[in-house]
């Protein structure tokens, strides 16, 4: 009989807080993808500037709701129940303010 060995991959748990902050600050460049082991997707996200921001936003929401997993399908450690809603709501407020002020000159013409 032939003995087949399973190759074990050493896993070091990735921090949810680090991944969330990397996504929030440098997410458009895909840095959080590199951190969690997705090198090819990180490079693709880097080349497309986060899928023109859409892919970045999807990753940010999935990180905030703790549904983002690393390359090996393992959940990230230390989910922060306070930081995640703050970042998500802060990003939404910043987006609304920027959108409002970008439309303001058109309203007052």
N, C-alpha and C. Protein backbone atom coordinates (compact mmCIF):
# COMPACT_ATOMS: atom_id res chain seq x y z
N UNK A 1 0.85 -1.17 0.00
CA UNK A 1 0.00 0.00 0.00
C UNK A 1 0.90 1.24 0.00
N UNK A 2 0.49 2.26 -0.72
CA UNK A 2 1.26 3.51 -0.81
C UNK A 2 0.80 4.45 0.30
N UNK A 3 1.75 4.99 1.01
CA UNK A 3 1.44 5.91 2.09
C UNK A 3 1.48 7.34 1.55
N UNK A 4 0.41 8.04 1.73
CA UNK A 4 0.32 9.42 1.28
C UNK A 4 0.33 10.33 2.50
N UNK A 5 1.26 11.25 2.52
CA UNK A 5 1.32 12.19 3.64
C UNK A 5 0.58 13.46 3.27
N UNK A 6 -0.13 13.94 4.23
CA UNK A 6 -0.81 15.21 4.04
C UNK A 6 0.16 16.34 4.35
N UNK A 7 0.22 17.29 3.48
CA UNK A 7 1.10 18.44 3.72
C UNK A 7 0.41 19.39 4.68
N UNK A 8 1.05 19.66 5.76
CA UNK A 8 0.47 20.59 6.73
C UNK A 8 1.03 21.98 6.48
N UNK A 9 0.16 22.92 6.55
CA UNK A 9 0.54 24.31 6.33
C UNK A 9 0.53 25.00 7.69
N UNK A 10 1.66 25.57 8.08
CA UNK A 10 1.67 26.27 9.37
C UNK A 10 0.76 27.49 9.32
N UNK A 11 -0.07 27.62 10.29
CA UNK A 11 -1.01 28.74 10.31
C UNK A 11 -0.73 29.61 11.53
N UNK A 12 -0.56 30.85 11.25
CA UNK A 12 -0.41 31.84 12.32
C UNK A 12 -1.64 32.73 12.25
N UNK A 13 -2.43 32.75 13.29
CA UNK A 13 -3.68 33.51 13.24
C UNK A 13 -3.44 34.98 12.91
N UNK A 14 -4.25 35.49 12.03
CA UNK A 14 -4.17 36.90 11.64
C UNK A 14 -5.12 37.70 12.51
N UNK A 15 -4.72 38.91 12.82
CA UNK A 15 -5.52 39.78 13.69
C UNK A 15 -6.61 40.47 12.88
N UNK A 16 -7.82 40.40 13.40
CA UNK A 16 -8.94 41.07 12.76
C UNK A 16 -8.77 42.58 12.81
N UNK A 17 -8.29 43.10 13.93
CA UNK A 17 -8.11 44.54 14.08
C UNK A 17 -7.09 45.08 13.09
N UNK A 18 -5.98 44.37 12.91
CA UNK A 18 -4.97 44.80 11.95
C UNK A 18 -5.53 44.76 10.54
N UNK A 19 -6.23 43.69 10.19
CA UNK A 19 -6.81 43.58 8.85
C UNK A 19 -7.84 44.67 8.61
N UNK A 20 -8.65 44.98 9.61
CA UNK A 20 -9.66 46.02 9.48
C UNK A 20 -9.03 47.39 9.29
N UNK A 21 -8.02 47.70 10.07
CA UNK A 21 -7.35 49.00 9.93
C UNK A 21 -6.59 49.11 8.61
N UNK A 22 -5.96 48.03 8.19
CA UNK A 22 -5.29 48.04 6.88
C UNK A 22 -6.29 48.24 5.76
N UNK A 23 -7.44 47.60 5.86
CA UNK A 23 -8.47 47.76 4.84
C UNK A 23 -9.02 49.18 4.83
N UNK A 24 -9.22 49.74 6.00
CA UNK A 24 -9.80 51.08 6.08
C UNK A 24 -8.83 52.15 5.58
N UNK A 25 -7.56 52.02 5.93
CA UNK A 25 -6.59 53.05 5.58
C UNK A 25 -5.99 52.82 4.19
N UNK A 26 -5.58 51.59 3.89
CA UNK A 26 -4.90 51.29 2.64
C UNK A 26 -5.64 50.26 1.80
N UNK A 27 -6.93 50.12 2.04
CA UNK A 27 -7.71 49.08 1.38
C UNK A 27 -7.82 49.21 -0.11
N UNK A 28 -7.78 50.41 -0.61
CA UNK A 28 -7.89 50.60 -2.06
C UNK A 28 -6.69 50.02 -2.79
N UNK A 29 -5.58 49.83 -2.05
CA UNK A 29 -4.39 49.22 -2.63
C UNK A 29 -4.31 47.72 -2.33
N UNK A 30 -5.27 47.16 -1.63
CA UNK A 30 -5.31 45.72 -1.36
C UNK A 30 -4.33 45.22 -0.33
N UNK A 31 -3.84 46.09 0.53
CA UNK A 31 -2.84 45.70 1.52
C UNK A 31 -3.40 44.66 2.49
N UNK A 32 -4.67 44.77 2.83
CA UNK A 32 -5.28 43.79 3.73
C UNK A 32 -5.33 42.41 3.10
N UNK A 33 -5.42 42.33 1.78
CA UNK A 33 -5.41 41.04 1.09
C UNK A 33 -4.04 40.38 1.21
N UNK A 34 -2.97 41.18 1.05
CA UNK A 34 -1.63 40.65 1.22
C UNK A 34 -1.44 40.15 2.66
N UNK A 35 -1.97 40.89 3.62
CA UNK A 35 -1.82 40.52 5.03
C UNK A 35 -2.50 39.19 5.34
N UNK A 36 -3.66 38.95 4.74
CA UNK A 36 -4.40 37.72 5.03
C UNK A 36 -4.03 36.56 4.11
N UNK A 37 -3.02 36.75 3.25
CA UNK A 37 -2.50 35.65 2.45
C UNK A 37 -2.97 35.59 1.01
N UNK A 38 -3.86 36.47 0.62
CA UNK A 38 -4.36 36.48 -0.76
C UNK A 38 -3.44 37.35 -1.62
N UNK A 39 -2.29 36.81 -2.01
CA UNK A 39 -1.31 37.62 -2.74
C UNK A 39 -1.78 37.98 -4.14
N UNK A 40 -2.36 37.03 -4.86
CA UNK A 40 -2.83 37.30 -6.23
C UNK A 40 -3.99 38.29 -6.23
N UNK A 41 -4.94 38.08 -5.32
CA UNK A 41 -6.06 39.01 -5.24
C UNK A 41 -5.60 40.39 -4.77
N UNK A 42 -4.61 40.41 -3.88
CA UNK A 42 -4.05 41.69 -3.44
C UNK A 42 -3.42 42.44 -4.59
N UNK A 43 -2.68 41.72 -5.44
CA UNK A 43 -2.05 42.35 -6.60
C UNK A 43 -3.11 42.85 -7.58
N UNK A 44 -4.16 42.05 -7.77
CA UNK A 44 -5.24 42.47 -8.66
C UNK A 44 -5.97 43.69 -8.11
N UNK A 45 -6.16 43.71 -6.82
CA UNK A 45 -6.82 44.85 -6.20
C UNK A 45 -5.92 46.09 -6.25
N UNK A 46 -4.61 45.88 -6.16
CA UNK A 46 -3.67 46.98 -6.28
C UNK A 46 -3.71 47.58 -7.68
N UNK A 47 -3.80 46.74 -8.69
CA UNK A 47 -3.80 47.22 -10.08
C UNK A 47 -5.10 47.93 -10.45
N UNK A 48 -6.21 47.52 -9.84
CA UNK A 48 -7.51 48.12 -10.19
C UNK A 48 -7.96 49.18 -9.19
N UNK A 49 -7.07 49.52 -8.26
CA UNK A 49 -7.40 50.48 -7.19
C UNK A 49 -8.67 50.06 -6.44
N UNK A 50 -8.62 48.84 -5.96
CA UNK A 50 -9.73 48.32 -5.17
C UNK A 50 -10.99 48.12 -5.97
N UNK A 51 -10.83 47.77 -7.25
CA UNK A 51 -12.01 47.61 -8.10
C UNK A 51 -12.78 48.91 -8.20
N UNK A 52 -12.01 50.01 -8.36
CA UNK A 52 -12.54 51.37 -8.39
C UNK A 52 -13.33 51.70 -7.11
N UNK A 53 -12.90 51.11 -6.03
CA UNK A 53 -13.49 51.41 -4.73
C UNK A 53 -14.61 50.47 -4.33
N UNK A 54 -15.18 49.76 -5.27
CA UNK A 54 -16.31 48.87 -4.97
C UNK A 54 -15.82 47.64 -4.22
N UNK A 55 -14.76 47.02 -4.72
CA UNK A 55 -14.20 45.84 -4.10
C UNK A 55 -13.70 46.16 -2.70
N UNK A 56 -13.10 47.34 -2.56
CA UNK A 56 -12.63 47.78 -1.25
C UNK A 56 -13.80 47.89 -0.26
N UNK A 57 -14.90 48.46 -0.73
CA UNK A 57 -16.04 48.66 0.16
C UNK A 57 -16.66 47.32 0.57
N UNK A 58 -16.70 46.36 -0.36
CA UNK A 58 -17.22 45.03 -0.04
C UNK A 58 -16.34 44.37 1.02
N UNK A 59 -15.03 44.48 0.86
CA UNK A 59 -14.11 43.91 1.85
C UNK A 59 -14.27 44.58 3.21
N UNK A 60 -14.44 45.90 3.21
CA UNK A 60 -14.61 46.62 4.47
C UNK A 60 -15.87 46.18 5.20
N UNK A 61 -16.96 46.03 4.47
CA UNK A 61 -18.22 45.59 5.10
C UNK A 61 -18.09 44.16 5.61
N UNK A 62 -17.45 43.29 4.83
CA UNK A 62 -17.31 41.90 5.29
C UNK A 62 -16.39 41.81 6.51
N UNK A 63 -15.38 42.67 6.57
CA UNK A 63 -14.53 42.70 7.77
C UNK A 63 -15.30 43.24 8.97
N UNK A 64 -16.12 44.24 8.76
CA UNK A 64 -16.89 44.81 9.87
C UNK A 64 -17.92 43.84 10.42
N UNK A 65 -18.46 42.98 9.57
CA UNK A 65 -19.44 42.00 10.03
C UNK A 65 -18.82 40.64 10.35
N UNK A 66 -17.50 40.58 10.39
CA UNK A 66 -16.73 39.40 10.78
C UNK A 66 -17.01 38.19 9.89
N UNK A 67 -17.20 38.42 8.60
CA UNK A 67 -17.41 37.30 7.67
C UNK A 67 -16.22 37.13 6.73
N UNK A 68 -15.14 37.81 7.00
CA UNK A 68 -13.92 37.73 6.19
C UNK A 68 -13.01 36.66 6.76
N UNK A 69 -12.49 35.79 5.90
CA UNK A 69 -11.60 34.71 6.34
C UNK A 69 -10.26 34.85 5.65
N UNK A 70 -9.24 34.23 6.22
CA UNK A 70 -7.92 34.29 5.60
C UNK A 70 -7.84 33.29 4.45
N UNK A 71 -6.66 33.16 3.87
CA UNK A 71 -6.46 32.31 2.70
C UNK A 71 -6.84 30.86 2.96
N UNK A 72 -6.67 30.39 4.18
CA UNK A 72 -6.93 29.00 4.52
C UNK A 72 -8.36 28.77 5.01
N UNK A 73 -9.20 29.78 4.95
CA UNK A 73 -10.59 29.65 5.37
C UNK A 73 -10.81 29.75 6.86
N UNK A 74 -9.83 30.26 7.57
CA UNK A 74 -9.93 30.38 9.02
C UNK A 74 -10.32 31.81 9.39
N UNK A 75 -11.24 31.92 10.33
CA UNK A 75 -11.67 33.26 10.76
C UNK A 75 -10.53 34.00 11.43
N UNK A 76 -10.57 35.31 11.33
CA UNK A 76 -9.53 36.15 11.92
C UNK A 76 -9.75 36.23 13.43
N UNK A 77 -8.66 36.40 14.16
CA UNK A 77 -8.72 36.48 15.62
C UNK A 77 -9.12 37.88 16.08
N UNK A 78 -9.49 37.99 17.32
CA UNK A 78 -9.78 39.20 18.08
C UNK A 78 -10.76 40.17 17.41
N UNK A 79 -11.94 39.66 17.06
CA UNK A 79 -12.97 40.53 16.49
C UNK A 79 -13.34 41.61 17.51
N UNK A 80 -13.28 42.85 17.09
CA UNK A 80 -13.54 43.99 17.97
C UNK A 80 -14.96 44.48 17.72
N UNK A 81 -15.85 44.28 18.68
CA UNK A 81 -17.26 44.65 18.51
C UNK A 81 -17.49 46.15 18.59
N UNK A 82 -16.52 46.91 19.05
CA UNK A 82 -16.67 48.37 19.14
C UNK A 82 -16.06 49.07 17.94
N UNK A 83 -14.87 48.63 17.53
CA UNK A 83 -14.15 49.28 16.44
C UNK A 83 -14.84 49.08 15.09
N UNK A 84 -15.38 47.91 14.84
CA UNK A 84 -15.98 47.61 13.55
C UNK A 84 -17.16 48.53 13.21
N UNK A 85 -18.15 48.68 14.10
CA UNK A 85 -19.25 49.61 13.77
C UNK A 85 -18.79 51.06 13.67
N UNK A 86 -17.79 51.44 14.47
CA UNK A 86 -17.28 52.81 14.39
C UNK A 86 -16.66 53.09 13.03
N UNK A 87 -15.87 52.16 12.53
CA UNK A 87 -15.24 52.35 11.23
C UNK A 87 -16.28 52.35 10.12
N UNK A 88 -17.24 51.45 10.19
CA UNK A 88 -18.26 51.38 9.14
C UNK A 88 -19.13 52.64 9.13
N UNK A 89 -19.57 53.08 10.29
CA UNK A 89 -20.41 54.28 10.33
C UNK A 89 -19.59 55.53 10.01
N UNK A 90 -18.34 55.58 10.45
CA UNK A 90 -17.49 56.71 10.11
C UNK A 90 -17.24 56.82 8.63
N UNK A 91 -17.03 55.69 7.96
CA UNK A 91 -16.83 55.69 6.51
C UNK A 91 -18.10 56.14 5.80
N UNK A 92 -19.25 55.71 6.28
CA UNK A 92 -20.51 56.13 5.67
C UNK A 92 -20.73 57.63 5.84
N UNK A 93 -20.44 58.16 7.01
CA UNK A 93 -20.60 59.60 7.25
C UNK A 93 -19.64 60.40 6.38
N UNK A 94 -18.39 59.96 6.29
CA UNK A 94 -17.42 60.66 5.44
C UNK A 94 -17.86 60.63 3.99
N UNK A 95 -18.39 59.50 3.54
CA UNK A 95 -18.89 59.39 2.17
C UNK A 95 -20.05 60.32 1.91
N UNK A 96 -20.96 60.43 2.87
CA UNK A 96 -22.10 61.34 2.72
C UNK A 96 -21.67 62.80 2.70
N UNK A 97 -20.73 63.16 3.57
CA UNK A 97 -20.24 64.55 3.61
C UNK A 97 -19.52 64.91 2.32
N UNK A 98 -18.66 64.02 1.84
CA UNK A 98 -17.95 64.27 0.59
C UNK A 98 -18.93 64.37 -0.58
N UNK A 99 -19.90 63.47 -0.61
CA UNK A 99 -20.92 63.52 -1.66
C UNK A 99 -21.74 64.80 -1.60
N UNK A 100 -22.09 65.24 -0.41
CA UNK A 100 -22.88 66.47 -0.26
C UNK A 100 -22.10 67.68 -0.76
N UNK A 101 -20.83 67.79 -0.33
CA UNK A 101 -20.05 68.94 -0.73
C UNK A 101 -19.63 68.90 -2.19
N UNK A 102 -19.59 67.72 -2.79
CA UNK A 102 -19.28 67.67 -4.23
C UNK A 102 -20.50 68.07 -5.04
N UNK A 103 -21.71 67.90 -4.51
CA UNK A 103 -22.91 68.31 -5.22
C UNK A 103 -23.31 69.76 -4.91
N UNK A 104 -22.78 70.34 -3.87
CA UNK A 104 -23.16 71.67 -3.44
C UNK A 104 -22.97 72.74 -4.51
N UNK A 105 -21.84 72.79 -5.23
CA UNK A 105 -21.70 73.83 -6.27
C UNK A 105 -22.76 73.72 -7.36
N UNK A 106 -23.21 72.52 -7.69
CA UNK A 106 -24.23 72.35 -8.70
C UNK A 106 -25.58 72.86 -8.21
N UNK A 107 -25.83 72.80 -6.94
CA UNK A 107 -27.10 73.24 -6.37
C UNK A 107 -27.19 74.76 -6.37
N UNK A 108 -26.09 75.45 -6.09
CA UNK A 108 -26.10 76.90 -5.94
C UNK A 108 -25.78 77.66 -7.22
N UNK A 109 -25.74 76.98 -8.35
CA UNK A 109 -25.47 77.70 -9.62
C UNK A 109 -26.71 78.35 -10.15
